[in-house]
C-alpha atoms as a PDB file:
ATOM      1  CA  MET A   1       0.431 -35.658 -52.918  1.00  0.00           C
ATOM      2  CA  LYS A   2      -0.014 -31.911 -52.854  1.00  0.00           C
ATOM      3  CA  ILE A   3      -3.517 -32.365 -51.440  1.00  0.00           C
ATOM      4  CA  LYS A   4      -2.248 -34.715 -48.749  1.00  0.00           C
ATOM      5  CA  THR A   5       0.577 -32.264 -47.847  1.00  0.00           C
ATOM      6  CA  THR A   6      -1.984 -29.384 -47.756  1.00  0.00           C
ATOM      7  CA  LEU A   7      -4.291 -31.375 -45.482  1.00  0.00           C
ATOM      8  CA  ILE A   8      -1.363 -32.107 -43.113  1.00  0.00           C
ATOM      9  CA  LEU A   9      -0.343 -28.472 -43.029  1.00  0.00           C
ATOM     10  CA  LEU A  10      -3.992 -27.464 -42.361  1.00  0.00           C
ATOM     11  CA  ALA A  11      -4.225 -30.115 -39.663  1.00  0.00           C
ATOM     12  CA  LEU A  12      -0.946 -28.787 -38.051  1.00  0.00           C
ATOM     13  CA  LEU A  13      -2.199 -25.161 -38.344  1.00  0.00           C
ATOM     14  CA  PHE A  14      -5.526 -26.132 -36.721  1.00  0.00           C
ATOM     15  CA  ALA A  15      -3.738 -27.937 -33.967  1.00  0.00           C
ATOM     16  CA  LEU A  16      -1.516 -24.841 -33.458  1.00  0.00           C
ATOM     17  CA  VAL A  17      -4.567 -22.484 -33.305  1.00  0.00           C
ATOM     18  CA  VAL A  18      -6.353 -24.793 -30.838  1.00  0.00           C
ATOM     19  CA  SER A  19      -3.243 -24.967 -28.699  1.00  0.00           C
ATOM     20  CA  VAL A  20      -2.768 -21.157 -28.685  1.00  0.00           C
ATOM     21  CA  SER A  21      -6.470 -20.679 -28.008  1.00  0.00           C
ATOM     22  CA  ALA A  22      -6.375 -23.065 -25.147  1.00  0.00           C
ATOM     23  CA  GLN A  23      -3.398 -21.366 -23.735  1.00  0.00           C
ATOM     24  CA  LYS A  24      -5.141 -18.025 -23.786  1.00  0.00           C
ATOM     25  CA  LYS A  25      -8.147 -19.434 -22.012  1.00  0.00           C
ATOM     26  CA  LYS A  26      -5.977 -21.128 -19.486  1.00  0.00           C
ATOM     27  CA  VAL A  27      -3.933 -18.004 -18.698  1.00  0.00           C
ATOM     28  CA  GLU A  28      -6.232 -15.207 -17.391  1.00  0.00           C
ATOM     29  CA  LEU A  29      -4.943 -11.838 -16.523  1.00  0.00           C
ATOM     30  CA  PRO A  30      -5.701 -10.592 -13.102  1.00  0.00           C
ATOM     31  CA  ALA A  31      -8.826  -8.248 -13.026  1.00  0.00           C
ATOM     32  CA  SER A  32      -8.282  -4.549 -12.880  1.00  0.00           C
ATOM     33  CA  THR A  33      -8.965  -2.895  -9.596  1.00  0.00           C
ATOM     34  CA  PHE A  34      -9.639   0.632  -8.393  1.00  0.00           C
ATOM     35  CA  SER A  35     -10.544   1.438  -4.692  1.00  0.00           C
ATOM     36  CA  LEU A  36     -10.716   4.394  -2.341  1.00  0.00           C
ATOM     37  CA  ASN A  37      -9.099   3.875   1.128  1.00  0.00           C
ATOM     38  CA  LEU A  38     -10.110   6.245   3.927  1.00  0.00           C
ATOM     39  CA  PRO A  39      -7.901   5.990   7.021  1.00  0.00           C
ATOM     40  CA  PHE A  40      -8.104   8.255  10.030  1.00  0.00           C
ATOM     41  CA  ASP A  41      -6.066   8.014  13.171  1.00  0.00           C
ATOM     42  CA  ASN A  42      -4.929  10.258  15.966  1.00  0.00           C
ATOM     43  CA  MET A  43      -1.365  10.190  14.962  1.00  0.00           C
ATOM     44  CA  PHE A  44      -1.398  11.348  11.265  1.00  0.00           C
ATOM     45  CA  GLY A  45      -4.993  12.415  10.970  1.00  0.00           C
ATOM     46  CA  PHE A  46      -7.093  11.918   7.735  1.00  0.00           C
ATOM     47  CA  ALA A  47      -5.136  10.595   4.710  1.00  0.00           C
ATOM     48  CA  PRO A  48      -7.442   9.437   1.922  1.00  0.00           C
ATOM     49  CA  ALA A  49      -5.805   7.329  -0.724  1.00  0.00           C
ATOM     50  CA  ALA A  50      -6.696   5.823  -4.082  1.00  0.00           C
ATOM     51  CA  TYR A  51      -5.281   2.418  -5.249  1.00  0.00           C
ATOM     52  CA  GLY A  52      -5.550   0.815  -8.674  1.00  0.00           C
ATOM     53  CA  SER A  53      -4.118  -2.136 -10.657  1.00  0.00           C
ATOM     54  CA  PHE A  54      -4.273  -3.860 -13.981  1.00  0.00           C
ATOM     55  CA  GLY A  55      -3.125  -7.334 -14.999  1.00  0.00           C
ATOM     56  CA  LEU A  56       0.236  -7.852 -16.884  1.00  0.00           C
ATOM     57  CA  LYS A  57       0.293 -11.639 -16.795  1.00  0.00           C
ATOM     58  CA  GLU A  58      -0.860 -14.492 -14.653  1.00  0.00           C
ATOM     59  CA  ASN A  59      -0.621 -13.561 -10.980  1.00  0.00           C
ATOM     60  CA  LEU A  60       1.219 -10.296 -11.824  1.00  0.00           C
ATOM     61  CA  SER A  61      -0.281  -6.775 -11.855  1.00  0.00           C
ATOM     62  CA  PHE A  62       0.906  -3.236 -12.251  1.00  0.00           C
ATOM     63  CA  THR A  63      -0.240  -1.175  -9.290  1.00  0.00           C
ATOM     64  CA  TYR A  64      -0.402   2.604  -8.663  1.00  0.00           C
ATOM     65  CA  TYR A  65      -1.613   4.784  -5.739  1.00  0.00           C
ATOM     66  CA  GLY A  66      -1.892   8.311  -4.376  1.00  0.00           C
ATOM     67  CA  ILE A  67      -2.195   9.468  -0.773  1.00  0.00           C
ATOM     68  CA  LEU A  68      -3.519  12.879   0.117  1.00  0.00           C
ATOM     69  CA  TRP A  69      -1.915  13.625   3.535  1.00  0.00           C
ATOM     70  CA  THR A  70      -4.239  16.290   5.015  1.00  0.00           C
ATOM     71  CA  ASN A  71      -2.258  16.838   8.308  1.00  0.00           C
ATOM     72  CA  PRO A  72      -1.665  20.602   8.357  1.00  0.00           C
ATOM     73  CA  SER A  73       1.622  20.149  10.237  1.00  0.00           C
ATOM     74  CA  PHE A  74       3.035  18.479   7.145  1.00  0.00           C
ATOM     75  CA  GLY A  75       2.522  21.677   5.146  1.00  0.00           C
ATOM     76  CA  SER A  76       2.073  25.371   5.950  1.00  0.00           C
ATOM     77  CA  PRO A  77      -0.669  25.540   8.652  1.00  0.00           C
ATOM     78  CA  GLY A  78      -0.948  29.333   8.384  1.00  0.00           C
ATOM     79  CA  THR A  79      -2.070  29.433   4.731  1.00  0.00           C
ATOM     80  CA  GLY A  80      -3.353  25.837   4.447  1.00  0.00           C
ATOM     81  CA  SER A  81      -1.055  25.330   1.438  1.00  0.00           C
ATOM     82  CA  ASP A  82       1.792  22.896   0.704  1.00  0.00           C
ATOM     83  CA  ASN A  83      -0.104  19.774   1.895  1.00  0.00           C
ATOM     84  CA  TRP A  84       1.887  16.600   1.407  1.00  0.00           C
ATOM     85  CA  LEU A  85       1.162  14.393  -1.641  1.00  0.00           C
ATOM     86  CA  GLU A  86       2.564  10.772  -2.202  1.00  0.00           C
ATOM     87  CA  THR A  87       2.210   9.282  -5.573  1.00  0.00           C
ATOM     88  CA  GLY A  88       3.663   5.712  -6.489  1.00  0.00           C
ATOM     89  CA  PHE A  89       3.611   2.613  -8.687  1.00  0.00           C
ATOM     90  CA  GLY A  90       4.637  -0.932  -8.205  1.00  0.00           C
ATOM     91  CA  LEU A  91       4.017  -4.652  -8.899  1.00  0.00           C
ATOM     92  CA  SER A  92       1.569  -6.934  -7.223  1.00  0.00           C
ATOM     93  CA  MET A  93       2.648 -10.622  -7.264  1.00  0.00           C
ATOM     94  CA  LYS A  94       0.402 -13.406  -6.037  1.00  0.00           C
ATOM     95  CA  THR A  95       1.657 -16.916  -5.349  1.00  0.00           C
ATOM     96  CA  ARG A  96       0.110 -19.791  -7.331  1.00  0.00           C
ATOM     97  CA  ASN A  97      -2.202 -20.772  -4.422  1.00  0.00           C
ATOM     98  CA  GLU A  98      -3.231 -17.058  -4.184  1.00  0.00           C
ATOM     99  CA  LYS A  99      -2.785 -16.965  -0.486  1.00  0.00           C
ATOM    100  CA  TRP A 100       0.113 -14.596  -0.467  1.00  0.00           C
ATOM    101  CA  LEU A 101       0.488 -11.272  -2.238  1.00  0.00           C
ATOM    102  CA  PHE A 102       3.589  -9.117  -2.378  1.00  0.00           C
ATOM    103  CA  ASN A 103       3.578  -5.544  -3.581  1.00  0.00           C
ATOM    104  CA  PRO A 104       6.880  -3.725  -3.795  1.00  0.00           C
ATOM    105  CA  SER A 105       6.286  -0.024  -4.770  1.00  0.00           C
ATOM    106  CA  LEU A 106       8.310   3.201  -5.380  1.00  0.00           C
ATOM    107  CA  ALA A 107       6.817   6.591  -4.779  1.00  0.00           C
ATOM    108  CA  LEU A 108       7.621  10.260  -4.879  1.00  0.00           C
ATOM    109  CA  THR A 109       6.491  12.744  -2.273  1.00  0.00           C
ATOM    110  CA  HIS A 110       5.654  16.386  -3.109  1.00  0.00           C
ATOM    111  CA  GLY A 111       5.606  19.103  -0.395  1.00  0.00           C
ATOM    112  CA  LYS A 112       8.047  20.241   2.298  1.00  0.00           C
ATOM    113  CA  LEU A 113       8.000  17.653   5.070  1.00  0.00           C
ATOM    114  CA  LEU A 114      11.215  15.979   3.990  1.00  0.00           C
ATOM    115  CA  SER A 115      13.021  18.744   2.227  1.00  0.00           C
ATOM    116  CA  GLY A 116      12.483  21.116   5.022  1.00  0.00           C
ATOM    117  CA  GLY A 117      11.920  24.345   2.948  1.00  0.00           C
ATOM    118  CA  THR A 118       9.390  27.208   3.437  1.00  0.00           C
ATOM    119  CA  GLN A 119       7.336  26.020   0.472  1.00  0.00           C
ATOM    120  CA  GLY A 120       6.215  22.698  -1.025  1.00  0.00           C
ATOM    121  CA  VAL A 121       8.216  21.445  -3.908  1.00  0.00           C
ATOM    122  CA  VAL A 122       7.925  18.679  -6.499  1.00  0.00           C
ATOM    123  CA  ALA A 123       9.618  15.482  -5.592  1.00  0.00           C
ATOM    124  CA  ASP A 124      10.785  16.497  -2.154  1.00  0.00           C
ATOM    125  CA  GLY A 125      11.422  12.794  -1.350  1.00  0.00           C
ATOM    126  CA  ILE A 126      11.362   9.215  -2.458  1.00  0.00           C
ATOM    127  CA  ALA A 127       9.383   6.469  -0.787  1.00  0.00           C
ATOM    128  CA  PRO A 128      10.269   2.761  -1.465  1.00  0.00           C
ATOM    129  CA  SER A 129       7.877   0.385   0.242  1.00  0.00           C
ATOM    130  CA  MET A 130       6.893  -3.362   0.574  1.00  0.00           C
ATOM    131  CA  ALA A 131       3.426  -4.570   1.379  1.00  0.00           C
ATOM    132  CA  VAL A 132       2.685  -8.223   2.178  1.00  0.00           C
ATOM    133  CA  PHE A 133      -0.801  -9.785   2.412  1.00  0.00           C
ATOM    134  CA  PHE A 134      -1.861 -13.277   3.458  1.00  0.00           C
ATOM    135  CA  ARG A 135      -5.292 -14.853   3.716  1.00  0.00           C
ATOM    136  CA  ASP A 136      -6.609 -18.452   3.956  1.00  0.00           C
ATOM    137  CA  ASP A 137      -9.722 -19.963   5.684  1.00  0.00           C
ATOM    138  CA  VAL A 138      -8.262 -19.384   9.158  1.00  0.00           C
ATOM    139  CA  MET A 139      -5.776 -16.486   9.297  1.00  0.00           C
ATOM    140  CA  GLU A 140      -4.993 -13.139   7.627  1.00  0.00           C
ATOM    141  CA  LEU A 141      -2.041 -10.799   7.532  1.00  0.00           C
ATOM    142  CA  GLU A 142      -1.318  -7.296   6.434  1.00  0.00           C
ATOM    143  CA  ALA A 143       2.281  -5.972   6.797  1.00  0.00           C
ATOM    144  CA  GLN A 144       3.898  -2.878   5.252  1.00  0.00           C
ATOM    145  CA  ALA A 145       7.048  -0.856   5.621  1.00  0.00           C
ATOM    146  CA  VAL A 146       7.812   2.594   3.907  1.00  0.00           C
ATOM    147  CA  TRP A 147      10.993   4.509   3.923  1.00  0.00           C
ATOM    148  CA  TYR A 148      10.609   8.221   3.326  1.00  0.00           C
ATOM    149  CA  LYS A 149      13.966   9.569   2.128  1.00  0.00           C
ATOM    150  CA  ALA A 150      14.553  13.304   1.372  1.00  0.00           C
ATOM    151  CA  LEU A 151      15.584  13.973  -2.227  1.00  0.00           C
ATOM    152  CA  ARG A 152      15.979  17.756  -1.824  1.00  0.00           C
ATOM    153  CA  LYS A 153      17.205  20.054   0.889  1.00  0.00           C
ATOM    154  CA  GLU A 154      15.347  23.278   0.561  1.00  0.00           C
ATOM    155  CA  GLY A 155      15.947  24.683   4.043  1.00  0.00           C
ATOM    156  CA  LEU A 156      18.521  24.329   6.905  1.00  0.00           C
ATOM    157  CA  PHE A 157      17.242  20.850   7.771  1.00  0.00           C
ATOM    158  CA  SER A 158      15.989  17.785   5.919  1.00  0.00           C
ATOM    159  CA  TYR A 159      14.430  14.610   7.382  1.00  0.00           C
ATOM    160  CA  ASP A 160      14.104  10.880   6.620  1.00  0.00           C
ATOM    161  CA  TYR A 161      11.341   8.666   8.234  1.00  0.00           C
ATOM    162  CA  ALA A 162      10.187   4.986   8.389  1.00  0.00           C
ATOM    163  CA  LEU A 163       6.660   3.961   8.897  1.00  0.00           C
ATOM    164  CA  TYR A 164       5.641   0.312   9.437  1.00  0.00           C
ATOM    165  CA  TRP A 165       2.733  -1.770  10.646  1.00  0.00           C
ATOM    166  CA  LEU A 166       1.899  -5.517  11.108  1.00  0.00           C
ATOM    167  CA  LEU A 167      -1.667  -6.829  11.491  1.00  0.00           C
ATOM    168  CA  PRO A 168      -1.979 -10.562  12.002  1.00  0.00           C
ATOM    169  CA  GLY A 169      -5.524 -11.852  12.620  1.00  0.00           C
ATOM    170  CA  PHE A 170      -7.950 -14.693  12.790  1.00  0.00           C
ATOM    171  CA  ILE A 171     -10.894 -15.072  10.518  1.00  0.00           C
ATOM    172  CA  ILE A 172     -13.999 -15.689  12.556  1.00  0.00           C
ATOM    173  CA  ASN A 173     -16.292 -15.893   9.529  1.00  0.00           C
ATOM    174  CA  GLU A 174     -16.552 -14.523   6.001  1.00  0.00           C
ATOM    175  CA  LYS A 175     -17.652 -11.058   7.576  1.00  0.00           C
ATOM    176  CA  ILE A 176     -15.605 -10.756  10.809  1.00  0.00           C
ATOM    177  CA  SER A 177     -11.883 -10.727  11.564  1.00  0.00           C
ATOM    178  CA  LEU A 178     -10.092  -9.993  14.830  1.00  0.00           C
ATOM    179  CA  GLY A 179      -6.402  -9.466  15.281  1.00  0.00           C
ATOM    180  CA  LEU A 180      -3.381  -7.559  16.613  1.00  0.00           C
ATOM    181  CA  HIS A 181      -2.298  -4.134  15.511  1.00  0.00           C
ATOM    182  CA  LEU A 182       1.373  -3.193  15.699  1.00  0.00           C
ATOM    183  CA  GLU A 183       2.522   0.213  14.235  1.00  0.00           C
ATOM    184  CA  GLY A 184       5.499   2.326  14.488  1.00  0.00           C
ATOM    185  CA  PHE A 185       7.012   5.644  13.218  1.00  0.00           C
ATOM    186  CA  VAL A 186      10.699   6.328  13.254  1.00  0.00           C
ATOM    187  CA  LEU A 187      12.756   9.519  12.495  1.00  0.00           C
ATOM    188  CA  THR A 188      15.657   7.719  10.750  1.00  0.00           C
ATOM    189  CA  ARG A 189      17.747  10.776  10.007  1.00  0.00           C
ATOM    190  CA  GLN A 190      17.760  14.530  10.549  1.00  0.00           C
ATOM    191  CA  THR A 191      20.336  17.122   9.609  1.00  0.00           C
ATOM    192  CA  ILE A 192      20.747  18.596  13.098  1.00  0.00           C
ATOM    193  CA  ARG A 193      21.973  15.333  14.731  1.00  0.00           C
ATOM    194  CA  GLU A 194      22.994  11.817  14.141  1.00  0.00           C
ATOM    195  CA  GLY A 195      21.001   8.688  14.981  1.00  0.00           C
ATOM    196  CA  SER A 196      17.389   7.616  14.753  1.00  0.00           C
ATOM    197  CA  GLU A 197      14.511   8.210  17.117  1.00  0.00           C
ATOM    198  CA  GLN A 198      11.285   6.163  17.644  1.00  0.00           C
ATOM    199  CA  LEU A 199       8.453   8.712  17.518  1.00  0.00           C
ATOM    200  CA  TYR A 200       5.651   6.327  18.472  1.00  0.00           C
ATOM    201  CA  GLN A 201       5.136   2.591  18.948  1.00  0.00           C
ATOM    202  CA  ALA A 202       1.484   1.576  19.026  1.00  0.00           C
ATOM    203  CA  VAL A 203       0.253  -1.862  20.083  1.00  0.00           C
ATOM    204  CA  GLY A 204      -3.344  -2.808  20.207  1.00  0.00           C
ATOM    205  CA  GLY A 205      -6.019  -4.987  18.497  1.00  0.00           C
ATOM    206  CA  TYR A 206      -8.405  -4.610  15.596  1.00  0.00           C
ATOM    207  CA  ALA A 207     -11.945  -5.652  14.591  1.00  0.00           C
ATOM    208  CA  LYS A 208     -12.488  -5.901  10.875  1.00  0.00           C
ATOM    209  CA  PHE A 209     -15.948  -6.246   9.126  1.00  0.00           C
ATOM    210  CA  THR A 210     -16.104  -7.128   5.404  1.00  0.00           C
ATOM    211  CA  VAL A 211     -19.137  -7.126   3.285  1.00  0.00           C
ATOM    212  CA  GLY A 212     -19.737  -7.685  -0.546  1.00  0.00           C
ATOM    213  CA  ASP A 213     -16.652  -7.703  -2.683  1.00  0.00           C
ATOM    214  CA  GLY A 214     -14.034  -6.047  -0.505  1.00  0.00           C
ATOM    215  CA  TYR A 215     -15.917  -3.342   1.441  1.00  0.00           C
ATOM    216  CA  VAL A 216     -14.022  -3.082   4.690  1.00  0.00           C
ATOM    217  CA  PHE A 217     -14.580  -1.361   8.002  1.00  0.00           C
ATOM    218  CA  ARG A 218     -11.596  -1.835  10.324  1.00  0.00           C
ATOM    219  CA  LEU A 219     -11.276  -0.238  13.797  1.00  0.00           C
ATOM    220  CA  SER A 220      -7.968  -0.361  15.783  1.00  0.00           C
ATOM    221  CA  LEU A 221      -7.434   0.685  19.363  1.00  0.00           C
ATOM    222  CA  GLY A 222      -4.351   0.442  21.406  1.00  0.00           C
ATOM    223  CA  LYS A 223      -1.629   2.179  23.459  1.00  0.00           C
ATOM    224  CA  ASN A 224       1.475   4.107  22.375  1.00  0.00           C
ATOM    225  CA  PHE A 225       4.385   2.634  24.358  1.00  0.00           C
ATOM    226  CA  LYS A 226       6.850   5.455  23.426  1.00  0.00           C
ATOM    227  CA  GLU A 227       6.810   8.599  25.497  1.00  0.00           C
ATOM    228  CA  SER A 228       6.880  11.541  22.975  1.00  0.00           C
ATOM    229  CA  ASP A 229       4.748  14.371  21.564  1.00  0.00           C
ATOM    230  CA  TYR A 230       2.316  11.863  20.144  1.00  0.00           C
ATOM    231  CA  PRO A 231      -0.794  10.711  22.155  1.00  0.00           C
ATOM    232  CA  ASP A 232      -0.386   7.977  24.861  1.00  0.00           C
ATOM    233  CA  GLU A 233      -3.391   6.014  23.328  1.00  0.00           C
ATOM    234  CA  PHE A 234      -3.891   5.028  19.719  1.00  0.00           C
ATOM    235  CA  TYR A 235      -7.100   4.767  17.618  1.00  0.00           C
ATOM    236  CA  LYS A 236      -7.599   4.322  13.935  1.00  0.00           C
ATOM    237  CA  LEU A 237     -10.504   3.698  11.529  1.00  0.00           C
ATOM    238  CA  THR A 238      -9.893   2.356   7.871  1.00  0.00           C
ATOM    239  CA  LEU A 239     -12.562   2.262   5.354  1.00  0.00           C
ATOM    240  CA  ASN A 240     -11.986   0.521   1.984  1.00  0.00           C
ATOM    241  CA  ILE A 241     -14.497   1.107  -0.891  1.00  0.00           C
ATOM    242  CA  PRO A 242     -13.813  -0.736  -4.046  1.00  0.00           C
ATOM    243  CA  PHE A 243     -15.129   0.565  -7.395  1.00  0.00           C
ATOM    244  CA  LEU A 244     -13.739  -2.233  -9.620  1.00  0.00           C
END
């Protein structure tokens, strides 16, 4: 009787191990990623960025990023110091068919652009954002919105901004995509007066070339339809170089 009971327990344990093992094989964590993104445009200048992620569970990853804003007007042009730095983290969520990806993030900015002081400071602002990506055999989409909100007021004035872009496109083949580029920048708040102000509104098109596993060259050209201090025409080159 004891032998029979033992065999039954061993069989149940074996079945449990096989079941757990099968589940582990069935649920694969998303692969870790790390890439260098190199965007240049005639509105913000050169802003190299690093993006990374590692899997938490099926179709869910922890993400982190850093952007080195090199535009001298964001810091102290006279000394070349106080350049703006943006560092953040978030979650990347894929749908089961893996066509859609949603990536909410929360970042801190370090510098003086938002806080308005004479020197750069740690955590001068906060930057919640949402990025959305879609891709199937015919279409692709990249959309992002970021709100830059001042956390500190180091001078007489402080500022809040919103930056957004929308890039819907058609996939010509596995290497070439063509689409529309919509991008805008808004001063949502400033200390000296109420109300928001559209700083630029760019509309144009893009051509994207992809080779290997995510090496991207994307050129966008268009027109700024908002009369302001920003250029009347818009051009942007984005390079993405994956390491993982």
